[in-house]
Amino acid sequence: MTPRVLVDAAAVPADRGALIRYVDGLVAALDRAGADVAVVCQRADAERYGALAPSARVLPGPTGIVNRAARLVWEQTGVPLLARQVGAQVIHAPYYSMPLRSGLPTVVTVHDVTWFTESSQHSTVKASFFRSATRTAVRHASRVIVPSKATRDELIRVLAADPTRIDVAYHGVDPQLFHRPSPQEVKHAADRLGLHGTPYVAFLGPMEPRKNLPSLIRGFTRAVRDLPSPPALVLAGGVPDAQVEAAVAEAPSAVRVICPGYLAFSDLSGFLGGALVAAFPSRGEGFGLPVLEAMACGAPVLTTHRTSLPEVGGDAVAYTEPDDADIAEALLTLLSSPERREVLSEAGLVRAKEFTWEASAEAHLVSYQRALEQ
């Protein structure tokens, strides 16, 4: 008999990025597995979680927790109270921070350790908060879940975390949301971006420094500047920062770089699967969910050897160093070889099937049981 678990989905950022896809995918898979789950969430998300997990008890939090500071205070008081009201035996905090005096075993997901190892790639305030939350989780959580062996190893190396209290649970991919798209889906996504048949290289994710977008833009420019009909570069999933804007401004007029912001979920398969290459030259990831999702869409993927990315990509992706020159060389190699792109596309589709939310949910359930037994 698995324990009754309260999942604190109210903690997930509102930008609907990879972290919310983790919580959504996990909650839905736990429900399909017959787990005894209650989900606390923002009021605006209650209907969605009700649809994702029909058997779960969905508990909307107070309206004030849309404010981050208020949510963190409520996490210490309201979440433990709700846990006791629903008879939860374990609390799962899926986004670093945790209630400290709940009186219940608590499992915390730590997504990556770049707040310590790549601190210059984050804002000072943000890095300080997540370093503090990660240290607290390592000291006080019954179990710590990480999405890769690389993150586990970094947590042990950087914070001397107890390896016997860390569980690895890989992320999965939603085949309804991320699949090889039809020609109609590809055309629809491309037309909405104003491409209308222009080939393109795709990036999907937040535009934060560790994603290495200025180097991608400069490397892309070097790769395509002498081509008679260069493809476009589309950077989707966030708002450009000053460094990205500066790199775009440096590109010659013949090189087209598009920053469309957030895309509709319904367009993601068409966008990724329709790309010549999906490029993710990140300097460090806890898992690298966009790499997995791009593979599931049949996109040839280019990424780096850093941290967890080889665990995800294996032999089914192409690799580059994160500097401009190497990115340019790797991109040009792929753009010049339809045969190589097709090999990567097929290999990625096969490898992506190894990562399921069902397997992730099973690993989480093992962690919950260990927390209860401790």
Protein backbone atom coordinates (compact mmCIF):
# COMPACT_ATOMS: atom_id res chain seq x y z
CA MET A 1 0.00 0.00 0.00
CA THR A 2 1.55 3.29 -1.08
CA PRO A 3 1.39 6.25 1.31
CA ARG A 4 -1.04 9.14 0.84
CA VAL A 5 1.03 11.99 -0.59
CA LEU A 6 0.35 15.72 -0.73
CA VAL A 7 2.06 17.25 -3.79
CA ASP A 8 2.65 20.99 -3.46
CA ALA A 9 2.02 22.11 -7.04
CA ALA A 10 1.40 25.67 -5.83
CA ALA A 11 5.17 26.12 -5.75
CA VAL A 12 5.62 25.78 -9.51
CA PRO A 13 6.44 28.99 -11.39
CA ALA A 14 3.65 30.43 -13.51
CA ASP A 15 5.68 30.59 -16.75
CA ARG A 16 4.53 27.09 -17.74
CA GLY A 17 8.09 26.04 -18.58
CA ALA A 18 9.83 22.71 -18.14
CA LEU A 19 9.24 22.62 -14.38
CA ILE A 20 5.49 22.72 -14.70
CA ARG A 21 5.68 20.03 -17.36
CA TYR A 22 7.50 17.95 -14.74
CA VAL A 23 4.80 18.44 -12.12
CA ASP A 24 1.94 17.98 -14.61
CA GLY A 25 3.49 14.85 -16.09
CA LEU A 26 4.24 13.38 -12.67
CA VAL A 27 0.83 14.10 -11.13
CA ALA A 28 -1.00 12.63 -14.12
CA ALA A 29 1.18 9.50 -14.08
CA LEU A 30 0.77 9.04 -10.32
CA ASP A 31 -2.99 9.20 -10.81
CA ARG A 32 -2.87 6.64 -13.63
CA ALA A 33 -0.80 4.38 -11.38
CA GLY A 34 -3.53 4.46 -8.74
CA ALA A 35 -1.44 6.37 -6.20
CA ASP A 36 -3.19 8.03 -3.26
CA VAL A 37 -2.48 11.68 -4.06
CA ALA A 38 -3.74 15.10 -3.04
CA VAL A 39 -2.58 18.15 -4.99
CA VAL A 40 -2.43 21.66 -3.59
CA CYS A 41 -2.22 24.28 -6.32
CA GLN A 42 -2.88 27.87 -7.32
CA ARG A 43 -6.58 28.57 -7.74
CA ALA A 44 -6.11 29.22 -11.46
CA ASP A 45 -4.69 25.70 -11.89
CA ALA A 46 -7.36 23.75 -10.00
CA GLU A 47 -9.41 22.84 -13.06
CA ARG A 48 -6.33 21.68 -14.96
CA TYR A 49 -5.16 19.40 -12.16
CA GLY A 50 -8.67 18.05 -11.81
CA ALA A 51 -8.52 17.01 -15.45
CA LEU A 52 -4.95 15.67 -15.23
CA ALA A 53 -5.62 13.60 -12.11
CA PRO A 54 -9.35 12.77 -11.87
CA SER A 55 -8.87 10.50 -8.85
CA ALA A 56 -6.75 12.95 -6.88
CA ARG A 57 -8.08 15.40 -4.34
CA VAL A 58 -7.31 18.88 -5.67
CA LEU A 59 -6.92 21.62 -3.05
CA PRO A 60 -6.81 25.22 -4.32
CA GLY A 61 -4.68 27.45 -2.12
CA PRO A 62 -5.62 30.99 -1.03
CA THR A 63 -5.59 33.71 -3.67
CA GLY A 64 -2.71 35.57 -2.02
CA ILE A 65 -0.14 32.87 -2.80
CA VAL A 66 0.24 34.09 -6.36
CA ASN A 67 2.73 36.43 -4.69
CA ARG A 68 5.98 34.52 -4.21
CA ALA A 69 6.81 35.92 -0.78
CA ALA A 70 3.30 35.16 0.48
CA ARG A 71 3.50 31.66 -0.96
CA LEU A 72 6.76 30.94 0.85
CA VAL A 73 5.21 32.01 4.15
CA TRP A 74 2.10 29.95 3.46
CA GLU A 75 4.29 26.97 2.55
CA GLN A 76 5.46 26.83 6.17
CA THR A 77 1.96 27.02 7.67
CA GLY A 78 -0.78 26.30 5.14
CA VAL A 79 0.76 23.28 3.42
CA PRO A 80 1.31 21.31 6.65
CA LEU A 81 -2.23 22.16 7.75
CA LEU A 82 -3.71 20.92 4.47
CA ALA A 83 -1.57 17.80 4.66
CA ARG A 84 -3.03 16.93 8.05
CA GLN A 85 -6.57 17.76 6.93
CA VAL A 86 -6.37 15.24 4.08
CA GLY A 87 -4.53 12.62 6.14
CA ALA A 88 -1.33 12.79 4.09
CA GLN A 89 1.54 10.64 5.29
CA VAL A 90 4.20 12.26 3.08
CA ILE A 91 4.62 15.74 1.59
CA HIS A 92 6.30 16.15 -1.79
CA ALA A 93 7.79 19.60 -2.42
CA PRO A 94 8.63 19.49 -6.16
CA TYR A 95 10.48 22.80 -6.42
CA TYR A 96 13.43 23.10 -4.00
CA SER A 97 11.77 24.76 -0.96
CA MET A 98 9.97 22.81 1.76
CA PRO A 99 7.93 23.25 4.95
CA LEU A 100 10.27 22.79 7.89
CA ARG A 101 7.92 21.94 10.75
CA SER A 102 5.22 19.83 9.17
CA GLY A 103 5.84 16.85 11.41
CA LEU A 104 5.58 14.65 8.31
CA PRO A 105 8.21 12.98 6.14
CA THR A 106 9.00 15.38 3.30
CA VAL A 107 10.45 14.62 -0.12
CA VAL A 108 12.01 17.52 -2.03
CA THR A 109 12.94 17.66 -5.72
CA VAL A 110 16.22 19.48 -6.38
CA HIS A 111 16.34 20.09 -10.12
CA ASP A 112 19.95 21.18 -10.58
CA VAL A 113 23.03 22.44 -8.78
CA THR A 114 24.06 25.20 -11.20
CA TRP A 115 23.14 27.74 -8.51
CA PHE A 116 26.46 26.67 -6.97
CA THR A 117 28.54 25.53 -9.93
CA GLU A 118 27.48 28.20 -12.45
CA SER A 119 26.48 31.01 -10.10
CA SER A 120 27.61 33.69 -12.55
CA GLN A 121 24.94 32.44 -14.97
CA HIS A 122 22.14 33.42 -12.55
CA SER A 123 21.01 36.66 -10.95
CA THR A 124 22.47 37.21 -7.47
CA VAL A 125 19.09 37.25 -5.72
CA LYS A 126 17.78 34.15 -7.52
CA ALA A 127 20.97 32.16 -6.97
CA SER A 128 21.04 33.10 -3.28
CA PHE A 129 17.48 31.89 -2.75
CA PHE A 130 17.97 28.56 -4.52
CA ARG A 131 21.31 27.89 -2.82
CA SER A 132 19.61 28.40 0.55
CA ALA A 133 16.62 26.23 -0.41
CA THR A 134 18.90 23.47 -1.71
CA ARG A 135 21.01 23.46 1.46
CA THR A 136 17.82 23.26 3.54
CA ALA A 137 16.52 20.34 1.50
CA VAL A 138 19.81 18.46 1.80
CA ARG A 139 19.82 18.92 5.59
CA HIS A 140 16.17 18.47 6.47
CA ALA A 141 14.27 16.53 3.78
CA SER A 142 13.59 12.86 4.41
CA ARG A 143 14.51 12.15 0.78
CA VAL A 144 15.85 14.30 -2.05
CA ILE A 145 14.76 13.46 -5.59
CA VAL A 146 17.01 14.54 -8.47
CA PRO A 147 16.32 14.13 -12.21
CA SER A 148 19.72 12.72 -13.21
CA LYS A 149 22.79 10.92 -11.93
CA ALA A 150 24.86 13.98 -12.83
CA THR A 151 22.77 16.13 -10.49
CA ARG A 152 23.07 13.51 -7.75
CA ASP A 153 26.84 13.45 -8.13
CA GLU A 154 27.07 17.26 -8.10
CA LEU A 155 24.89 17.45 -4.99
CA ILE A 156 27.22 15.02 -3.23
CA ARG A 157 30.34 16.83 -4.44
CA VAL A 158 29.25 20.39 -3.77
CA LEU A 159 27.21 20.00 -0.57
CA ALA A 160 28.46 16.69 0.81
CA ALA A 161 24.87 15.41 0.59
CA ASP A 162 24.17 11.97 2.00
CA PRO A 163 23.98 9.67 -1.06
CA THR A 164 21.77 7.20 0.80
CA ARG A 165 19.00 9.85 0.98
CA ILE A 166 19.07 10.79 -2.72
CA ASP A 167 16.82 9.13 -5.30
CA VAL A 168 17.22 9.56 -9.07
CA ALA A 169 13.96 9.85 -11.00
CA TYR A 170 14.35 10.74 -14.66
CA HIS A 171 11.75 12.97 -16.26
CA GLY A 172 9.42 11.64 -18.92
CA VAL A 173 7.87 13.04 -22.06
CA ASP A 174 4.18 13.45 -22.85
CA PRO A 175 3.59 11.74 -26.24
CA GLN A 176 0.34 13.65 -26.76
CA LEU A 177 2.11 16.98 -26.44
CA PHE A 178 5.47 15.97 -27.96
CA HIS A 179 5.29 13.66 -30.98
CA ARG A 180 6.46 13.53 -34.57
CA PRO A 181 4.21 16.19 -36.11
CA SER A 182 2.13 15.94 -39.24
CA PRO A 183 2.99 18.20 -42.20
CA GLN A 184 -0.08 20.25 -41.27
CA GLU A 185 1.18 20.77 -37.70
CA VAL A 186 4.60 21.83 -39.01
CA LYS A 187 3.08 24.31 -41.48
CA HIS A 188 0.71 25.73 -38.86
CA ALA A 189 3.52 26.36 -36.35
CA ALA A 190 5.85 27.83 -38.97
CA ASP A 191 3.17 30.08 -40.45
CA ARG A 192 2.31 31.44 -37.01
CA LEU A 193 5.96 32.42 -36.66
CA GLY A 194 5.90 34.18 -40.01
CA LEU A 195 8.29 31.70 -41.61
CA HIS A 196 6.00 30.55 -44.44
CA GLY A 197 8.28 27.81 -45.74
CA THR A 198 11.64 29.25 -44.61
CA PRO A 199 13.77 26.49 -43.01
CA TYR A 200 14.89 27.19 -39.46
CA VAL A 201 16.99 26.11 -36.49
CA ALA A 202 14.97 25.94 -33.25
CA PHE A 203 15.64 26.68 -29.61
CA LEU A 204 12.97 26.25 -26.92
CA GLY A 205 13.47 27.28 -23.31
CA PRO A 206 13.98 30.21 -20.95
CA MET A 207 16.44 32.82 -22.17
CA GLU A 208 18.68 32.77 -19.13
CA PRO A 209 22.50 33.01 -19.27
CA ARG A 210 23.28 29.33 -18.76
CA LYS A 211 21.30 28.46 -21.89
CA ASN A 212 24.19 30.09 -23.77
CA LEU A 213 22.07 31.86 -26.37
CA PRO A 214 24.56 34.61 -27.30
CA SER A 215 27.03 31.88 -28.30
CA LEU A 216 24.30 30.07 -30.21
CA ILE A 217 23.39 33.25 -32.10
CA ARG A 218 27.02 34.02 -32.96
CA GLY A 219 27.76 30.41 -33.87
CA PHE A 220 24.65 30.25 -36.04
CA THR A 221 25.66 33.48 -37.77
CA ARG A 222 29.10 32.04 -38.56
CA ALA A 223 27.56 28.81 -39.82
CA VAL A 224 25.05 30.34 -42.25
CA ARG A 225 26.46 33.71 -43.31
CA ASP A 226 27.94 32.34 -46.55
CA LEU A 227 24.98 30.14 -47.47
CA PRO A 228 23.00 31.34 -50.51
CA SER A 229 19.65 30.81 -48.73
CA PRO A 230 20.35 30.75 -44.99
CA PRO A 231 17.77 29.30 -42.61
CA ALA A 232 16.33 31.39 -39.79
CA LEU A 233 17.11 30.94 -36.10
CA VAL A 234 14.02 30.88 -33.86
CA LEU A 235 14.54 31.37 -30.12
CA ALA A 236 11.24 30.54 -28.43
CA GLY A 237 10.15 30.19 -24.84
CA GLY A 238 11.08 33.41 -23.11
CA VAL A 239 11.93 37.08 -23.23
CA PRO A 240 15.40 38.07 -24.53
CA ASP A 241 17.76 39.63 -22.01
CA ALA A 242 20.28 42.35 -22.83
CA GLN A 243 22.99 39.86 -23.86
CA VAL A 244 20.66 38.07 -26.27
CA GLU A 245 19.48 41.37 -27.73
CA ALA A 246 23.08 42.48 -28.22
CA ALA A 247 23.99 39.24 -30.01
CA VAL A 248 20.95 39.57 -32.27
CA ALA A 249 21.90 43.17 -33.07
CA GLU A 250 25.39 42.01 -34.12
CA ALA A 251 24.01 39.61 -36.73
CA PRO A 252 24.18 40.87 -40.33
CA SER A 253 20.90 41.79 -42.00
CA ALA A 254 20.97 38.64 -44.14
CA VAL A 255 20.81 36.47 -40.98
CA ARG A 256 17.30 36.23 -39.60
CA VAL A 257 16.85 35.69 -35.84
CA ILE A 258 13.29 35.51 -34.49
CA CYS A 259 12.33 35.76 -30.79
CA PRO A 260 8.58 35.03 -30.66
CA GLY A 261 8.32 34.59 -26.87
CA TYR A 262 6.17 31.81 -25.45
CA LEU A 263 4.50 29.41 -27.88
CA ALA A 264 1.14 27.71 -27.46
CA PHE A 265 1.48 24.13 -26.21
CA SER A 266 -0.38 22.99 -29.32
CA ASP A 267 2.39 24.43 -31.53
CA LEU A 268 5.37 22.83 -29.76
CA SER A 269 5.49 19.55 -31.72
CA GLY A 270 5.17 21.33 -35.03
CA PHE A 271 7.81 23.87 -34.04
CA LEU A 272 10.39 21.35 -32.81
CA GLY A 273 9.63 18.58 -35.29
CA GLY A 274 9.70 20.99 -38.22
CA ALA A 275 13.18 22.34 -37.45
CA LEU A 276 16.27 21.47 -39.46
CA VAL A 277 18.05 21.23 -36.09
CA ALA A 278 16.93 21.79 -32.50
CA ALA A 279 19.92 23.45 -30.81
CA PHE A 280 20.43 23.48 -27.03
CA PRO A 281 24.09 24.41 -26.33
CA SER A 282 23.51 24.81 -22.58
CA ARG A 283 26.35 25.24 -20.10
CA GLY A 284 24.62 23.06 -17.54
CA GLU A 285 21.31 21.31 -16.85
CA GLY A 286 19.78 19.26 -14.09
CA PHE A 287 18.08 17.11 -16.72
CA GLY A 288 17.48 18.86 -20.05
CA LEU A 289 13.78 18.29 -20.70
CA PRO A 290 13.72 20.33 -23.96
CA VAL A 291 16.34 17.97 -25.41
CA LEU A 292 14.14 14.97 -24.64
CA GLU A 293 11.04 16.71 -25.97
CA ALA A 294 12.79 17.69 -29.21
CA MET A 295 13.91 14.07 -29.72
CA ALA A 296 10.33 12.91 -29.16
CA CYS A 297 9.26 15.25 -31.99
CA GLY A 298 11.80 13.76 -34.39
CA ALA A 299 14.08 16.80 -34.42
CA PRO A 300 17.83 16.28 -34.98
CA VAL A 301 19.28 17.65 -31.74
CA LEU A 302 22.54 19.49 -31.10
CA THR A 303 23.54 19.92 -27.45
CA THR A 304 26.64 19.90 -25.22
CA HIS A 305 28.45 17.27 -23.16
CA ARG A 306 27.79 19.27 -19.98
CA THR A 307 26.31 17.78 -16.79
CA SER A 308 23.20 15.63 -17.41
CA LEU A 309 22.78 16.20 -21.15
CA PRO A 310 24.66 13.06 -22.28
CA GLU A 311 22.42 11.02 -19.94
CA VAL A 312 19.42 12.27 -21.86
CA GLY A 313 20.80 12.37 -25.41
CA GLY A 314 23.07 9.34 -25.37
CA ASP A 315 24.18 8.48 -28.90
CA ALA A 316 20.98 9.90 -30.40
CA VAL A 317 22.11 13.54 -30.52
CA ALA A 318 25.05 15.54 -31.87
CA TYR A 319 27.36 17.31 -29.44
CA THR A 320 29.32 20.54 -29.42
CA GLU A 321 31.42 22.55 -27.03
CA PRO A 322 29.54 25.65 -25.87
CA ASP A 323 31.76 28.27 -27.58
CA ASP A 324 30.83 30.13 -30.77
CA ALA A 325 33.36 28.43 -33.05
CA ASP A 326 32.44 24.87 -32.09
CA ILE A 327 28.73 25.61 -32.32
CA ALA A 328 29.27 27.08 -35.81
CA GLU A 329 31.19 24.01 -36.97
CA ALA A 330 28.69 21.54 -35.51
CA LEU A 331 25.71 23.41 -36.94
CA LEU A 332 27.23 23.70 -40.39
CA THR A 333 28.01 19.98 -40.38
CA LEU A 334 24.37 19.15 -39.63
CA LEU A 335 22.92 21.72 -42.01
CA SER A 336 25.11 20.34 -44.80
CA SER A 337 24.09 16.71 -44.23
CA PRO A 338 20.42 15.73 -44.60
CA GLU A 339 21.53 12.12 -44.14
CA ARG A 340 23.06 12.82 -40.73
CA ARG A 341 19.99 14.75 -39.67
CA GLU A 342 17.76 11.84 -40.65
CA VAL A 343 19.89 9.39 -38.66
CA LEU A 344 19.65 11.61 -35.58
CA SER A 345 15.93 12.10 -36.06
CA GLU A 346 15.23 8.37 -36.08
CA ALA A 347 17.63 7.68 -33.21
CA GLY A 348 16.07 10.42 -31.12
CA LEU A 349 12.57 9.06 -31.60
CA VAL A 350 13.69 5.65 -30.38
CA ARG A 351 15.62 6.98 -27.39
CA ALA A 352 12.83 9.32 -26.28
CA LYS A 353 10.56 6.30 -25.78
CA GLU A 354 12.84 5.15 -22.95
CA PHE A 355 11.80 8.16 -20.83
CA THR A 356 8.20 7.89 -19.63
CA TRP A 357 6.25 9.62 -16.89
CA GLU A 358 5.07 6.17 -15.80
CA ALA A 359 8.68 5.19 -15.02
CA SER A 360 9.25 8.53 -13.32
CA ALA A 361 6.12 8.09 -11.19
CA GLU A 362 7.28 4.61 -10.15
CA ALA A 363 10.63 6.03 -9.00
CA HIS A 364 8.83 8.78 -7.06
CA LEU A 365 6.59 6.23 -5.35
CA VAL A 366 9.67 4.31 -4.22
CA SER A 367 11.08 7.54 -2.78
CA TYR A 368 7.81 8.32 -0.96
CA GLN A 369 7.79 4.85 0.57
CA ARG A 370 11.41 5.22 1.70
CA ALA A 371 10.57 8.56 3.29
CA LEU A 372 7.69 6.99 5.23
CA GLU A 373 9.84 4.10 6.40
CA GLN A 374 12.54 6.49 7.62
